[in-house]
């Protein structure tokens, strides 16, 4: 299953490693700093990024909040558990 993370991009749920709140940005204190070797795709201007979505091969800067992304994933899992 795929989750829409913003703009025209959807990623497979299975490929998501972590999602990090963008507060603190790409500073050395942020956990996103450890993923610098992956390709980076910003779907919105830097100041509008709310969540970094780290996948197997890419880091996405999403304008969608982490709460909304988690709700989308939770809704998917609640449907398949029926």
Protein backbone atom coordinates (compact mmCIF):
# COMPACT_ATOMS: atom_id res chain seq x y z
CA UNK A 1 0.00 0.00 0.00
CA UNK A 2 1.09 3.54 -0.69
CA UNK A 3 0.74 6.67 1.43
CA UNK A 4 0.43 10.11 -0.17
CA UNK A 5 3.07 12.37 1.40
CA UNK A 6 2.42 15.53 -0.57
CA UNK A 7 2.50 17.10 -4.01
CA UNK A 8 2.26 14.21 -6.48
CA UNK A 9 4.32 11.78 -4.43
CA UNK A 10 3.16 8.56 -2.80
CA UNK A 11 5.56 6.06 -1.26
CA UNK A 12 5.13 2.41 -0.30
CA UNK A 13 4.41 2.15 3.42
CA UNK A 14 6.88 -0.75 3.65
CA UNK A 15 9.75 1.48 2.45
CA UNK A 16 9.29 4.11 5.19
CA UNK A 17 12.07 3.88 7.75
CA UNK A 18 11.04 6.84 9.90
CA UNK A 19 9.21 10.14 9.86
CA UNK A 20 10.77 13.10 11.66
CA UNK A 21 9.09 16.35 12.65
CA UNK A 22 10.83 19.15 10.75
CA UNK A 23 11.28 21.36 13.81
CA UNK A 24 15.00 21.74 14.14
CA UNK A 25 15.42 21.14 10.42
CA UNK A 26 18.54 19.51 9.11
CA UNK A 27 20.70 20.68 12.01
CA UNK A 28 23.25 18.38 13.61
CA UNK A 29 20.90 17.82 16.56
CA UNK A 30 18.10 16.52 14.34
CA UNK A 31 17.99 12.77 13.61
CA UNK A 32 17.53 13.62 9.92
CA UNK A 33 21.21 14.61 9.88
CA UNK A 34 22.15 10.90 9.88
CA UNK A 35 20.51 10.34 6.49
CA UNK A 36 22.55 12.85 4.46
CA UNK A 37 23.84 10.18 2.08
CA UNK A 38 20.34 9.54 0.68
CA UNK A 39 18.79 11.53 -2.16
CA UNK A 40 16.80 14.50 -0.84
CA UNK A 41 13.57 15.71 -2.43
CA UNK A 42 11.82 18.81 -1.06
CA UNK A 43 8.22 18.92 -2.22
CA UNK A 44 7.66 22.38 -0.76
CA UNK A 45 9.99 25.30 0.06
CA UNK A 46 12.25 24.60 3.06
CA UNK A 47 10.32 26.94 5.36
CA UNK A 48 7.08 25.03 4.65
CA UNK A 49 8.41 21.54 5.40
CA UNK A 50 6.58 20.00 8.34
CA UNK A 51 7.86 16.41 8.17
CA UNK A 52 10.87 14.57 6.80
CA UNK A 53 9.92 11.12 5.49
CA UNK A 54 12.93 8.78 5.31
CA UNK A 55 12.57 5.80 2.97
CA UNK A 56 14.96 3.08 1.84
CA UNK A 57 16.46 5.30 -0.83
CA UNK A 58 15.34 8.89 -0.30
CA UNK A 59 14.51 11.62 2.21
CA UNK A 60 11.39 13.63 1.36
CA UNK A 61 10.59 17.05 2.78
CA UNK A 62 6.80 17.03 3.10
CA UNK A 63 4.42 19.90 3.77
CA UNK A 64 2.05 17.50 5.52
CA UNK A 65 2.23 17.18 9.30
CA UNK A 66 3.52 13.99 10.87
CA UNK A 67 0.17 13.62 12.67
CA UNK A 68 -1.73 13.57 9.36
CA UNK A 69 0.71 11.12 7.78
CA UNK A 70 0.43 8.77 10.77
CA UNK A 71 -3.37 9.00 10.65
CA UNK A 72 -3.32 7.98 6.97
CA UNK A 73 -1.14 4.97 7.74
CA UNK A 74 -3.27 4.00 10.77
CA UNK A 75 -6.44 4.22 8.66
CA UNK A 76 -4.92 1.85 6.10
CA UNK A 77 -3.98 -0.71 8.75
CA UNK A 78 -7.40 -0.50 10.41
CA UNK A 79 -9.03 -1.30 7.05
CA UNK A 80 -6.87 -4.35 6.33
CA UNK A 81 -7.37 -5.76 9.86
CA UNK A 82 -11.14 -6.03 9.39
